[in-house]
N, C-alpha and C. Protein backbone atom coordinates (compact mmCIF):
# COMPACT_ATOMS: atom_id res chain seq x y z
N MET A 1 28.37 10.42 -22.86
CA MET A 1 27.45 9.32 -22.50
C MET A 1 26.54 9.78 -21.37
N ALA A 2 25.25 9.48 -21.47
CA ALA A 2 24.28 9.88 -20.45
C ALA A 2 24.06 8.75 -19.45
N THR A 3 23.76 9.14 -18.22
CA THR A 3 23.49 8.19 -17.14
C THR A 3 22.17 8.55 -16.48
N ASP A 4 21.33 7.55 -16.22
CA ASP A 4 20.07 7.78 -15.53
C ASP A 4 20.31 7.71 -14.02
N ILE A 5 19.91 8.78 -13.33
CA ILE A 5 20.23 8.95 -11.92
C ILE A 5 18.96 9.09 -11.09
N GLY A 6 18.97 8.49 -9.92
CA GLY A 6 17.89 8.66 -8.97
C GLY A 6 18.40 9.33 -7.70
N VAL A 7 17.57 10.18 -7.14
CA VAL A 7 17.83 10.78 -5.83
C VAL A 7 16.66 10.35 -4.95
N ALA A 8 16.95 9.70 -3.83
CA ALA A 8 15.87 9.07 -3.07
C ALA A 8 16.18 9.06 -1.58
N ILE A 9 15.12 8.87 -0.80
CA ILE A 9 15.25 8.69 0.65
C ILE A 9 15.44 7.21 0.93
N LEU A 10 16.42 6.90 1.76
CA LEU A 10 16.61 5.52 2.21
C LEU A 10 15.73 5.24 3.42
N LEU A 11 15.30 4.00 3.54
CA LEU A 11 14.50 3.58 4.69
C LEU A 11 15.40 3.37 5.91
N SER A 12 14.78 3.30 7.07
CA SER A 12 15.51 2.90 8.27
C SER A 12 15.86 1.42 8.12
N PRO A 13 16.84 0.91 8.88
CA PRO A 13 17.17 -0.52 8.79
C PRO A 13 15.97 -1.43 9.03
N GLU A 14 15.11 -1.06 9.98
CA GLU A 14 13.93 -1.89 10.28
C GLU A 14 12.94 -1.89 9.11
N ALA A 15 12.70 -0.72 8.55
CA ALA A 15 11.77 -0.63 7.41
C ALA A 15 12.36 -1.31 6.18
N GLU A 16 13.67 -1.22 6.02
CA GLU A 16 14.32 -1.88 4.89
C GLU A 16 14.13 -3.39 4.97
N GLU A 17 14.34 -3.96 6.16
CA GLU A 17 14.15 -5.40 6.34
C GLU A 17 12.71 -5.79 6.06
N ALA A 18 11.76 -4.97 6.51
CA ALA A 18 10.35 -5.24 6.26
C ALA A 18 10.06 -5.23 4.76
N ALA A 19 10.67 -4.30 4.02
CA ALA A 19 10.46 -4.22 2.57
C ALA A 19 10.95 -5.48 1.87
N TYR A 20 12.10 -6.00 2.29
CA TYR A 20 12.60 -7.23 1.67
C TYR A 20 11.70 -8.42 1.99
N ARG A 21 11.23 -8.49 3.23
CA ARG A 21 10.34 -9.60 3.61
C ARG A 21 9.04 -9.53 2.82
N LEU A 22 8.47 -8.34 2.69
CA LEU A 22 7.22 -8.19 1.95
C LEU A 22 7.38 -8.58 0.49
N ALA A 23 8.49 -8.17 -0.11
CA ALA A 23 8.73 -8.50 -1.52
C ALA A 23 8.84 -10.01 -1.71
N ALA A 24 9.56 -10.66 -0.81
CA ALA A 24 9.71 -12.11 -0.90
C ALA A 24 8.37 -12.81 -0.71
N ASP A 25 7.57 -12.34 0.26
CA ASP A 25 6.26 -12.92 0.52
C ASP A 25 5.34 -12.71 -0.67
N GLN A 26 5.37 -11.49 -1.24
CA GLN A 26 4.52 -11.21 -2.40
C GLN A 26 4.91 -12.09 -3.58
N GLY A 27 6.21 -12.30 -3.76
CA GLY A 27 6.67 -13.14 -4.86
C GLY A 27 6.22 -14.58 -4.73
N SER A 28 5.98 -15.04 -3.50
CA SER A 28 5.49 -16.41 -3.30
C SER A 28 3.99 -16.52 -3.56
N ARG A 29 3.30 -15.37 -3.61
CA ARG A 29 1.86 -15.36 -3.81
C ARG A 29 1.46 -15.02 -5.25
N THR A 30 2.28 -14.17 -5.90
CA THR A 30 1.93 -13.62 -7.20
C THR A 30 3.12 -13.74 -8.14
N PRO A 31 2.94 -14.27 -9.36
CA PRO A 31 4.06 -14.33 -10.32
C PRO A 31 4.55 -12.90 -10.63
N LEU A 32 5.85 -12.66 -10.43
CA LEU A 32 6.41 -11.34 -10.62
C LEU A 32 7.44 -11.32 -11.74
N GLU A 33 7.46 -10.22 -12.48
CA GLU A 33 8.51 -10.00 -13.48
C GLU A 33 9.83 -9.72 -12.77
N PHE A 34 9.75 -8.98 -11.69
CA PHE A 34 10.90 -8.81 -10.81
C PHE A 34 10.39 -8.49 -9.41
N ALA A 35 11.21 -8.77 -8.42
CA ALA A 35 10.90 -8.44 -7.04
C ALA A 35 12.10 -7.72 -6.43
N LEU A 36 11.82 -6.89 -5.43
CA LEU A 36 12.89 -6.23 -4.70
C LEU A 36 13.77 -7.29 -4.03
N THR A 37 15.07 -7.20 -4.25
CA THR A 37 16.01 -8.12 -3.63
C THR A 37 17.10 -7.33 -2.92
N ARG A 38 17.94 -8.02 -2.19
CA ARG A 38 18.98 -7.36 -1.40
C ARG A 38 20.10 -6.77 -2.26
N ASP A 39 20.06 -7.03 -3.54
CA ASP A 39 21.02 -6.38 -4.44
C ASP A 39 20.66 -4.92 -4.69
N HIS A 40 19.43 -4.54 -4.32
CA HIS A 40 18.93 -3.19 -4.57
C HIS A 40 18.44 -2.54 -3.28
N PHE A 41 18.55 -1.22 -3.22
CA PHE A 41 18.05 -0.47 -2.07
C PHE A 41 16.55 -0.23 -2.19
N PRO A 42 15.73 -0.62 -1.20
CA PRO A 42 14.36 -0.09 -1.16
C PRO A 42 14.46 1.40 -0.86
N HIS A 43 13.69 2.21 -1.56
CA HIS A 43 13.85 3.66 -1.44
C HIS A 43 12.57 4.39 -1.81
N ILE A 44 12.52 5.66 -1.45
CA ILE A 44 11.40 6.55 -1.81
C ILE A 44 11.97 7.62 -2.74
N THR A 45 11.59 7.57 -4.00
CA THR A 45 12.16 8.47 -5.00
C THR A 45 11.74 9.92 -4.75
N LEU A 46 12.72 10.80 -4.81
CA LEU A 46 12.46 12.25 -4.81
C LEU A 46 12.55 12.81 -6.21
N TYR A 47 13.51 12.28 -6.99
CA TYR A 47 13.73 12.81 -8.34
C TYR A 47 14.49 11.76 -9.15
N GLN A 48 14.16 11.69 -10.44
CA GLN A 48 14.91 10.87 -11.38
C GLN A 48 15.20 11.70 -12.62
N GLY A 49 16.41 11.59 -13.14
CA GLY A 49 16.76 12.38 -14.31
C GLY A 49 17.91 11.75 -15.07
N ARG A 50 18.16 12.30 -16.25
CA ARG A 50 19.25 11.83 -17.11
C ARG A 50 20.32 12.91 -17.17
N PHE A 51 21.53 12.52 -16.84
CA PHE A 51 22.65 13.46 -16.80
C PHE A 51 23.79 12.94 -17.66
N MET A 52 24.54 13.86 -18.23
CA MET A 52 25.77 13.46 -18.88
C MET A 52 26.70 12.87 -17.83
N GLN A 53 27.50 11.91 -18.23
CA GLN A 53 28.35 11.16 -17.30
C GLN A 53 29.08 12.08 -16.32
N GLY A 54 28.86 11.83 -15.03
CA GLY A 54 29.58 12.57 -13.99
C GLY A 54 29.11 13.99 -13.76
N LYS A 55 27.94 14.38 -14.31
CA LYS A 55 27.53 15.77 -14.22
C LYS A 55 26.59 16.08 -13.05
N LEU A 56 26.06 15.05 -12.38
CA LEU A 56 25.24 15.31 -11.19
C LEU A 56 26.17 15.40 -9.99
N GLU A 57 26.29 16.58 -9.43
CA GLU A 57 27.24 16.80 -8.35
C GLU A 57 26.54 16.70 -6.99
N ALA A 58 27.20 16.07 -6.04
CA ALA A 58 26.63 15.90 -4.71
C ALA A 58 26.32 17.25 -4.06
N ARG A 59 27.09 18.27 -4.39
CA ARG A 59 26.86 19.58 -3.76
C ARG A 59 25.49 20.14 -4.15
N TRP A 60 24.99 19.76 -5.34
CA TRP A 60 23.65 20.21 -5.72
C TRP A 60 22.61 19.58 -4.81
N VAL A 61 22.77 18.28 -4.54
CA VAL A 61 21.83 17.59 -3.66
C VAL A 61 21.90 18.17 -2.26
N LYS A 62 23.10 18.49 -1.79
CA LYS A 62 23.26 19.09 -0.47
C LYS A 62 22.52 20.42 -0.37
N GLU A 63 22.45 21.13 -1.49
CA GLU A 63 21.77 22.43 -1.49
C GLU A 63 20.31 22.28 -1.08
N PHE A 64 19.61 21.32 -1.68
CA PHE A 64 18.18 21.21 -1.34
C PHE A 64 17.93 20.41 -0.07
N THR A 65 18.87 19.53 0.33
CA THR A 65 18.65 18.79 1.58
C THR A 65 18.72 19.71 2.78
N ARG A 66 19.36 20.84 2.65
CA ARG A 66 19.41 21.80 3.76
C ARG A 66 18.02 22.31 4.11
N ARG A 67 17.10 22.21 3.16
CA ARG A 67 15.73 22.69 3.40
C ARG A 67 14.87 21.64 4.09
N ALA A 68 15.37 20.42 4.16
CA ALA A 68 14.59 19.35 4.78
C ALA A 68 14.62 19.48 6.29
N ARG A 69 13.58 18.98 6.94
CA ARG A 69 13.61 18.90 8.39
C ARG A 69 14.75 18.00 8.81
N ARG A 70 15.33 18.28 9.96
CA ARG A 70 16.41 17.40 10.42
C ARG A 70 15.87 15.98 10.63
N THR A 71 14.64 15.86 11.08
CA THR A 71 14.01 14.55 11.17
C THR A 71 12.70 14.58 10.40
N LEU A 72 12.63 13.79 9.35
CA LEU A 72 11.42 13.68 8.54
C LEU A 72 10.79 12.34 8.86
N THR A 73 9.68 12.35 9.59
CA THR A 73 9.04 11.11 10.02
C THR A 73 7.97 10.71 9.01
N LEU A 74 8.12 9.52 8.47
CA LEU A 74 7.22 9.03 7.42
C LEU A 74 6.48 7.78 7.90
N GLN A 75 5.25 7.63 7.41
CA GLN A 75 4.42 6.48 7.75
C GLN A 75 4.19 5.63 6.51
N LEU A 76 4.55 4.38 6.59
CA LEU A 76 4.31 3.45 5.49
C LEU A 76 2.89 2.92 5.58
N GLY A 77 2.31 2.66 4.42
CA GLY A 77 0.92 2.22 4.36
C GLY A 77 0.72 0.81 4.90
N THR A 78 -0.55 0.40 4.95
CA THR A 78 -0.89 -0.90 5.54
C THR A 78 -1.24 -1.95 4.49
N ARG A 79 -0.92 -1.66 3.23
CA ARG A 79 -1.13 -2.68 2.20
C ARG A 79 -0.24 -2.38 1.00
N LEU A 80 0.04 -3.44 0.24
CA LEU A 80 0.73 -3.27 -1.03
C LEU A 80 -0.32 -2.98 -2.10
N SER A 81 0.02 -2.09 -3.03
CA SER A 81 -0.97 -1.60 -3.99
C SER A 81 -0.47 -1.81 -5.42
N PRO A 82 -1.19 -2.61 -6.24
CA PRO A 82 -0.78 -2.79 -7.64
C PRO A 82 -1.14 -1.54 -8.46
N GLN A 83 -0.27 -1.20 -9.41
CA GLN A 83 -0.48 -0.04 -10.27
C GLN A 83 -0.85 -0.50 -11.68
N ALA A 84 -1.30 0.45 -12.50
CA ALA A 84 -1.76 0.12 -13.85
C ALA A 84 -0.66 -0.53 -14.70
N ASN A 85 0.61 -0.14 -14.45
CA ASN A 85 1.70 -0.70 -15.24
C ASN A 85 2.23 -2.02 -14.69
N GLY A 86 1.60 -2.52 -13.62
CA GLY A 86 2.01 -3.79 -13.03
C GLY A 86 2.92 -3.65 -11.83
N ASN A 87 3.46 -2.46 -11.59
CA ASN A 87 4.31 -2.27 -10.41
C ASN A 87 3.49 -2.45 -9.14
N VAL A 88 4.15 -2.95 -8.11
CA VAL A 88 3.53 -3.12 -6.79
C VAL A 88 4.19 -2.14 -5.84
N PHE A 89 3.38 -1.24 -5.28
CA PHE A 89 3.90 -0.18 -4.42
C PHE A 89 3.54 -0.43 -2.97
N TRP A 90 4.49 -0.16 -2.10
CA TRP A 90 4.22 0.01 -0.67
C TRP A 90 4.12 1.52 -0.49
N LEU A 91 2.90 2.00 -0.39
CA LEU A 91 2.66 3.44 -0.43
C LEU A 91 3.06 4.12 0.88
N ILE A 92 3.43 5.39 0.76
CA ILE A 92 3.77 6.22 1.90
C ILE A 92 2.60 7.14 2.20
N LYS A 93 2.23 7.26 3.45
CA LYS A 93 1.15 8.16 3.83
C LYS A 93 1.49 9.58 3.40
N GLU A 94 0.48 10.30 2.90
CA GLU A 94 0.67 11.67 2.41
C GLU A 94 1.35 12.52 3.48
N ASP A 95 2.38 13.24 3.07
CA ASP A 95 3.14 14.07 4.01
C ASP A 95 3.59 15.32 3.28
N ALA A 96 3.13 16.47 3.74
CA ALA A 96 3.40 17.74 3.06
C ALA A 96 4.89 18.04 2.98
N ALA A 97 5.63 17.72 4.04
CA ALA A 97 7.07 18.00 4.06
C ALA A 97 7.80 17.15 3.02
N LEU A 98 7.37 15.90 2.87
CA LEU A 98 7.98 15.02 1.87
C LEU A 98 7.68 15.52 0.46
N THR A 99 6.44 15.92 0.20
CA THR A 99 6.08 16.45 -1.12
C THR A 99 6.87 17.72 -1.42
N ASP A 100 7.00 18.59 -0.44
CA ASP A 100 7.77 19.83 -0.63
C ASP A 100 9.23 19.51 -0.96
N LEU A 101 9.79 18.51 -0.28
CA LEU A 101 11.18 18.13 -0.54
C LEU A 101 11.32 17.58 -1.96
N HIS A 102 10.36 16.77 -2.37
CA HIS A 102 10.35 16.24 -3.74
C HIS A 102 10.32 17.36 -4.77
N ILE A 103 9.42 18.32 -4.60
CA ILE A 103 9.31 19.43 -5.56
C ILE A 103 10.59 20.26 -5.58
N THR A 104 11.12 20.55 -4.40
CA THR A 104 12.37 21.31 -4.32
C THR A 104 13.49 20.58 -5.05
N ALA A 105 13.59 19.28 -4.82
CA ALA A 105 14.63 18.48 -5.48
C ALA A 105 14.45 18.48 -6.99
N ALA A 106 13.21 18.23 -7.45
CA ALA A 106 12.96 18.12 -8.88
C ALA A 106 13.19 19.45 -9.59
N GLU A 107 12.70 20.54 -9.03
CA GLU A 107 12.89 21.85 -9.66
C GLU A 107 14.36 22.20 -9.75
N TYR A 108 15.07 21.97 -8.66
CA TYR A 108 16.49 22.35 -8.61
C TYR A 108 17.34 21.49 -9.53
N LEU A 109 17.15 20.17 -9.49
CA LEU A 109 18.01 19.28 -10.25
C LEU A 109 17.65 19.24 -11.73
N GLN A 110 16.35 19.33 -12.06
CA GLN A 110 15.99 19.34 -13.47
C GLN A 110 16.54 20.58 -14.15
N GLY A 111 16.70 21.65 -13.37
CA GLY A 111 17.30 22.87 -13.91
C GLY A 111 18.77 22.72 -14.23
N LYS A 112 19.38 21.62 -13.77
CA LYS A 112 20.80 21.37 -14.03
C LYS A 112 21.02 20.51 -15.28
N THR A 113 19.95 19.98 -15.86
CA THR A 113 20.09 19.13 -17.04
C THR A 113 19.02 19.51 -18.06
N LEU A 114 19.36 19.39 -19.33
CA LEU A 114 18.39 19.63 -20.40
C LEU A 114 17.84 18.31 -20.93
N LEU A 115 18.20 17.21 -20.27
CA LEU A 115 17.83 15.88 -20.75
C LEU A 115 16.62 15.35 -20.00
N LEU A 116 15.89 14.42 -20.64
CA LEU A 116 14.75 13.76 -20.02
C LEU A 116 14.95 12.25 -20.07
N LEU A 117 14.37 11.56 -19.11
CA LEU A 117 14.33 10.11 -19.16
C LEU A 117 13.45 9.67 -20.34
N PRO A 118 13.65 8.44 -20.84
CA PRO A 118 12.92 8.01 -22.05
C PRO A 118 11.40 8.14 -21.98
N ARG A 119 10.77 7.66 -20.90
CA ARG A 119 9.29 7.70 -20.85
C ARG A 119 8.75 9.12 -20.82
N PRO A 120 9.24 10.03 -19.95
CA PRO A 120 8.76 11.41 -19.99
C PRO A 120 9.05 12.10 -21.33
N GLU A 121 10.15 11.73 -21.96
CA GLU A 121 10.48 12.36 -23.25
C GLU A 121 9.46 11.99 -24.31
N VAL A 122 9.03 10.72 -24.31
CA VAL A 122 8.01 10.28 -25.26
C VAL A 122 6.71 11.05 -25.03
N ILE A 123 6.32 11.21 -23.78
CA ILE A 123 5.09 11.93 -23.45
C ILE A 123 5.21 13.40 -23.84
N TRP A 124 6.36 14.01 -23.57
CA TRP A 124 6.57 15.42 -23.92
C TRP A 124 6.50 15.63 -25.43
N ASN A 125 7.00 14.68 -26.21
CA ASN A 125 7.01 14.81 -27.67
C ASN A 125 5.67 14.50 -28.32
N ASP A 126 4.75 13.90 -27.56
CA ASP A 126 3.43 13.56 -28.09
C ASP A 126 2.57 14.83 -28.17
N ARG A 127 2.14 15.19 -29.35
CA ARG A 127 1.37 16.42 -29.54
C ARG A 127 0.02 16.38 -28.83
N ALA A 128 -0.44 15.18 -28.48
CA ALA A 128 -1.71 15.06 -27.77
C ALA A 128 -1.56 15.32 -26.26
N THR A 129 -0.33 15.42 -25.78
CA THR A 129 -0.11 15.66 -24.35
C THR A 129 -0.55 17.07 -23.99
N PRO A 130 -1.38 17.22 -22.96
CA PRO A 130 -1.83 18.57 -22.55
C PRO A 130 -0.66 19.48 -22.20
N ARG A 131 -0.89 20.76 -22.40
CA ARG A 131 0.16 21.74 -22.17
C ARG A 131 0.68 21.73 -20.74
N ASP A 132 -0.24 21.59 -19.77
CA ASP A 132 0.20 21.62 -18.37
C ASP A 132 1.09 20.44 -18.03
N VAL A 133 0.84 19.28 -18.67
CA VAL A 133 1.68 18.10 -18.44
C VAL A 133 3.06 18.31 -19.05
N ARG A 134 3.09 18.87 -20.26
CA ARG A 134 4.38 19.16 -20.91
C ARG A 134 5.19 20.15 -20.07
N GLU A 135 4.53 21.15 -19.53
CA GLU A 135 5.23 22.13 -18.70
C GLU A 135 5.77 21.48 -17.43
N ARG A 136 4.99 20.57 -16.85
CA ARG A 136 5.44 19.87 -15.65
C ARG A 136 6.68 19.02 -15.94
N ILE A 137 6.70 18.37 -17.09
CA ILE A 137 7.85 17.55 -17.46
C ILE A 137 9.10 18.41 -17.59
N ILE A 138 8.98 19.55 -18.23
CA ILE A 138 10.13 20.43 -18.39
C ILE A 138 10.61 20.98 -17.05
N ARG A 139 9.65 21.29 -16.17
CA ARG A 139 10.01 21.90 -14.88
C ARG A 139 10.51 20.89 -13.87
N LEU A 140 9.90 19.67 -13.85
CA LEU A 140 10.19 18.70 -12.81
C LEU A 140 10.81 17.40 -13.34
N GLY A 141 10.86 17.27 -14.67
CA GLY A 141 11.50 16.10 -15.25
C GLY A 141 10.59 14.89 -15.44
N ASN A 142 9.33 14.98 -15.00
CA ASN A 142 8.46 13.81 -15.05
C ASN A 142 7.01 14.26 -14.97
N ASP A 143 6.12 13.60 -15.70
CA ASP A 143 4.70 13.91 -15.62
C ASP A 143 4.10 13.42 -14.31
N ARG A 144 4.77 12.50 -13.62
CA ARG A 144 4.28 11.97 -12.35
C ARG A 144 4.93 12.69 -11.18
N ALA A 145 5.14 13.96 -11.34
CA ALA A 145 5.79 14.77 -10.31
C ALA A 145 4.89 15.95 -9.96
N GLY A 146 5.21 16.61 -8.85
CA GLY A 146 4.45 17.80 -8.47
C GLY A 146 3.47 17.53 -7.35
N LYS A 147 2.85 18.59 -6.88
CA LYS A 147 2.00 18.54 -5.69
C LYS A 147 0.86 17.54 -5.80
N PHE A 148 0.24 17.42 -6.99
CA PHE A 148 -0.95 16.58 -7.11
C PHE A 148 -0.67 15.24 -7.80
N ASP A 149 0.54 15.04 -8.30
CA ASP A 149 0.82 13.83 -9.07
C ASP A 149 1.92 12.96 -8.47
N TYR A 150 2.63 13.48 -7.49
CA TYR A 150 3.68 12.71 -6.82
C TYR A 150 3.05 11.65 -5.92
N LEU A 151 3.47 10.41 -6.10
CA LEU A 151 2.93 9.29 -5.31
C LEU A 151 4.11 8.60 -4.62
N PRO A 152 4.48 9.05 -3.42
CA PRO A 152 5.64 8.45 -2.76
C PRO A 152 5.39 7.00 -2.40
N HIS A 153 6.41 6.17 -2.62
CA HIS A 153 6.23 4.73 -2.43
C HIS A 153 7.58 4.03 -2.40
N VAL A 154 7.54 2.78 -1.98
CA VAL A 154 8.65 1.85 -2.14
C VAL A 154 8.18 0.80 -3.14
N THR A 155 8.94 0.57 -4.20
CA THR A 155 8.55 -0.43 -5.19
C THR A 155 8.93 -1.82 -4.69
N SER A 156 7.92 -2.69 -4.57
CA SER A 156 8.13 -4.03 -4.06
C SER A 156 8.41 -5.03 -5.19
N GLY A 157 7.91 -4.73 -6.39
CA GLY A 157 8.11 -5.62 -7.53
C GLY A 157 7.21 -5.22 -8.67
N ARG A 158 7.19 -6.05 -9.69
CA ARG A 158 6.29 -5.84 -10.82
C ARG A 158 5.64 -7.16 -11.19
N ILE A 159 4.31 -7.14 -11.33
CA ILE A 159 3.55 -8.34 -11.65
C ILE A 159 3.82 -8.76 -13.08
N SER A 160 3.99 -10.04 -13.29
CA SER A 160 4.25 -10.56 -14.63
C SER A 160 3.04 -10.36 -15.52
N SER A 161 3.24 -9.72 -16.68
CA SER A 161 2.13 -9.50 -17.62
C SER A 161 1.63 -10.82 -18.18
N ALA A 162 2.46 -11.85 -18.15
CA ALA A 162 2.05 -13.16 -18.65
C ALA A 162 1.00 -13.81 -17.76
N HIS A 163 0.82 -13.23 -16.55
CA HIS A 163 -0.16 -13.80 -15.61
C HIS A 163 -1.29 -12.81 -15.33
N GLY A 164 -1.62 -11.99 -16.32
CA GLY A 164 -2.81 -11.16 -16.20
C GLY A 164 -2.63 -9.84 -15.50
N GLY A 165 -1.38 -9.38 -15.35
CA GLY A 165 -1.15 -8.08 -14.71
C GLY A 165 -1.74 -8.05 -13.32
N ASP A 166 -2.37 -6.91 -12.95
CA ASP A 166 -2.85 -6.81 -11.57
C ASP A 166 -4.04 -7.71 -11.29
N ALA A 167 -4.60 -8.34 -12.36
CA ALA A 167 -5.68 -9.30 -12.13
C ALA A 167 -5.16 -10.51 -11.36
N GLY A 168 -3.85 -10.76 -11.45
CA GLY A 168 -3.27 -11.89 -10.74
C GLY A 168 -2.70 -11.52 -9.39
N PHE A 169 -2.97 -10.30 -8.95
CA PHE A 169 -2.39 -9.82 -7.69
C PHE A 169 -3.22 -10.31 -6.51
N GLN A 170 -2.53 -10.85 -5.51
CA GLN A 170 -3.19 -11.26 -4.28
C GLN A 170 -2.87 -10.24 -3.19
N THR A 171 -3.90 -9.59 -2.69
CA THR A 171 -3.73 -8.51 -1.73
C THR A 171 -3.05 -9.00 -0.45
N MET A 172 -2.15 -8.14 0.05
CA MET A 172 -1.46 -8.44 1.31
C MET A 172 -1.68 -7.29 2.28
N SER A 173 -1.97 -7.62 3.52
CA SER A 173 -2.02 -6.59 4.56
C SER A 173 -0.63 -6.42 5.14
N VAL A 174 -0.32 -5.18 5.52
CA VAL A 174 1.01 -4.86 6.04
C VAL A 174 0.84 -4.18 7.39
N PRO A 175 1.57 -4.61 8.41
CA PRO A 175 1.48 -3.93 9.70
C PRO A 175 1.91 -2.47 9.55
N PRO A 176 1.24 -1.54 10.24
CA PRO A 176 1.64 -0.13 10.15
C PRO A 176 3.07 0.06 10.65
N MET A 177 3.80 0.92 9.98
CA MET A 177 5.19 1.15 10.34
C MET A 177 5.58 2.58 10.01
N GLY A 178 6.32 3.22 10.89
CA GLY A 178 6.85 4.55 10.63
C GLY A 178 8.35 4.55 10.83
N PHE A 179 9.00 5.54 10.28
CA PHE A 179 10.45 5.64 10.48
C PHE A 179 10.90 7.08 10.28
N ALA A 180 12.03 7.41 10.87
CA ALA A 180 12.62 8.74 10.70
C ALA A 180 13.58 8.69 9.52
N ALA A 181 13.27 9.47 8.50
CA ALA A 181 14.11 9.51 7.30
C ALA A 181 15.32 10.40 7.56
N LYS A 182 16.49 9.81 7.46
CA LYS A 182 17.71 10.55 7.80
C LYS A 182 18.76 10.56 6.70
N ARG A 183 18.54 9.75 5.63
CA ARG A 183 19.57 9.65 4.60
C ARG A 183 18.97 9.78 3.21
N ILE A 184 19.70 10.45 2.33
CA ILE A 184 19.35 10.56 0.91
C ILE A 184 20.45 9.91 0.10
N ILE A 185 20.03 9.11 -0.88
CA ILE A 185 20.98 8.38 -1.71
C ILE A 185 20.98 8.95 -3.13
N ILE A 186 22.14 9.00 -3.74
CA ILE A 186 22.29 9.35 -5.15
C ILE A 186 22.88 8.13 -5.84
N GLY A 187 22.22 7.63 -6.87
CA GLY A 187 22.75 6.44 -7.54
C GLY A 187 22.15 6.25 -8.91
N GLU A 188 22.77 5.36 -9.67
CA GLU A 188 22.27 5.05 -11.01
C GLU A 188 21.02 4.18 -10.90
N ILE A 189 20.09 4.39 -11.82
CA ILE A 189 18.86 3.60 -11.84
C ILE A 189 18.76 2.81 -13.15
N ASP A 190 18.05 1.68 -13.09
CA ASP A 190 17.84 0.91 -14.31
C ASP A 190 16.49 1.30 -14.92
N GLU A 191 16.05 0.55 -15.92
CA GLU A 191 14.81 0.91 -16.62
C GLU A 191 13.58 0.83 -15.74
N TYR A 192 13.67 0.13 -14.61
CA TYR A 192 12.55 0.02 -13.68
C TYR A 192 12.65 1.03 -12.53
N GLY A 193 13.71 1.82 -12.52
CA GLY A 193 13.91 2.78 -11.43
C GLY A 193 14.58 2.17 -10.21
N ARG A 194 15.09 0.94 -10.35
CA ARG A 194 15.76 0.29 -9.22
C ARG A 194 17.16 0.87 -9.02
N MET A 195 17.61 0.87 -7.76
CA MET A 195 18.92 1.42 -7.41
C MET A 195 19.79 0.29 -6.86
N ALA A 196 20.72 -0.18 -7.66
CA ALA A 196 21.59 -1.29 -7.26
C ALA A 196 22.63 -0.81 -6.25
N ARG A 197 22.97 -1.67 -5.33
CA ARG A 197 23.93 -1.31 -4.28
C ARG A 197 25.32 -1.00 -4.86
N ASP A 198 25.65 -1.62 -5.98
CA ASP A 198 26.98 -1.37 -6.56
C ASP A 198 26.98 -0.21 -7.56
N ARG A 199 25.87 0.57 -7.59
CA ARG A 199 25.80 1.71 -8.48
C ARG A 199 25.52 3.01 -7.70
N VAL A 200 25.81 2.97 -6.39
CA VAL A 200 25.58 4.14 -5.55
C VAL A 200 26.72 5.15 -5.72
N HIS A 201 26.36 6.42 -5.86
CA HIS A 201 27.37 7.47 -5.97
C HIS A 201 27.67 8.10 -4.61
N GLU A 202 26.63 8.35 -3.83
CA GLU A 202 26.84 9.00 -2.54
C GLU A 202 25.60 8.85 -1.66
N VAL A 203 25.82 8.83 -0.35
CA VAL A 203 24.75 8.86 0.64
C VAL A 203 24.95 10.09 1.51
N LEU A 204 23.89 10.89 1.66
CA LEU A 204 23.98 12.15 2.40
C LEU A 204 23.00 12.14 3.57
N GLU A 205 23.37 12.84 4.63
CA GLU A 205 22.48 13.00 5.77
C GLU A 205 21.49 14.13 5.50
N ILE A 206 20.24 13.95 5.90
CA ILE A 206 19.24 15.01 5.78
C ILE A 206 19.44 16.01 6.90
N GLY A 207 19.33 17.30 6.57
CA GLY A 207 19.43 18.34 7.57
C GLY A 207 20.80 18.99 7.61
């Protein structure tokens, strides 16, 4: 049996609380298919993949976390941003160290599995997909990965398609916030990439 797994950076307690407040506020302004709730961890994805049951080992994650700075300071954006698929992102300011950590994680962990998540697999199997995108999927596990395609963010929710997708989105300003990233989480993800608190496998310290 295969399990969909996410490896992600956890927010600081202060940033986590802000993420929950923003999601609740956004849900009161815009009809959402789902919103971030306290049943799930707000997180910044480094890698997502499909593994046979019990085959993603924490020691693999420890291997690449050793390359991370002991303190990785990240800046959260000043607005929530709707995406083409309806997801609402709290974007992370571009950070070379974060992108490098993402690439290191994806290259290392995708090399441990021959499986793909459903959406990247469909794109890889499509003959119209450009060769460079197919190669990126095989190398990093996702077409939305790599130096120029990785978009670090916290998912705040998804806009209900019944209400016009992002046409129904009401823009929110967010106070600037930064935090020191100190923990990486390994856990099961659902079809939206959410990480439920009762599906966590391990939490590791960065550095």
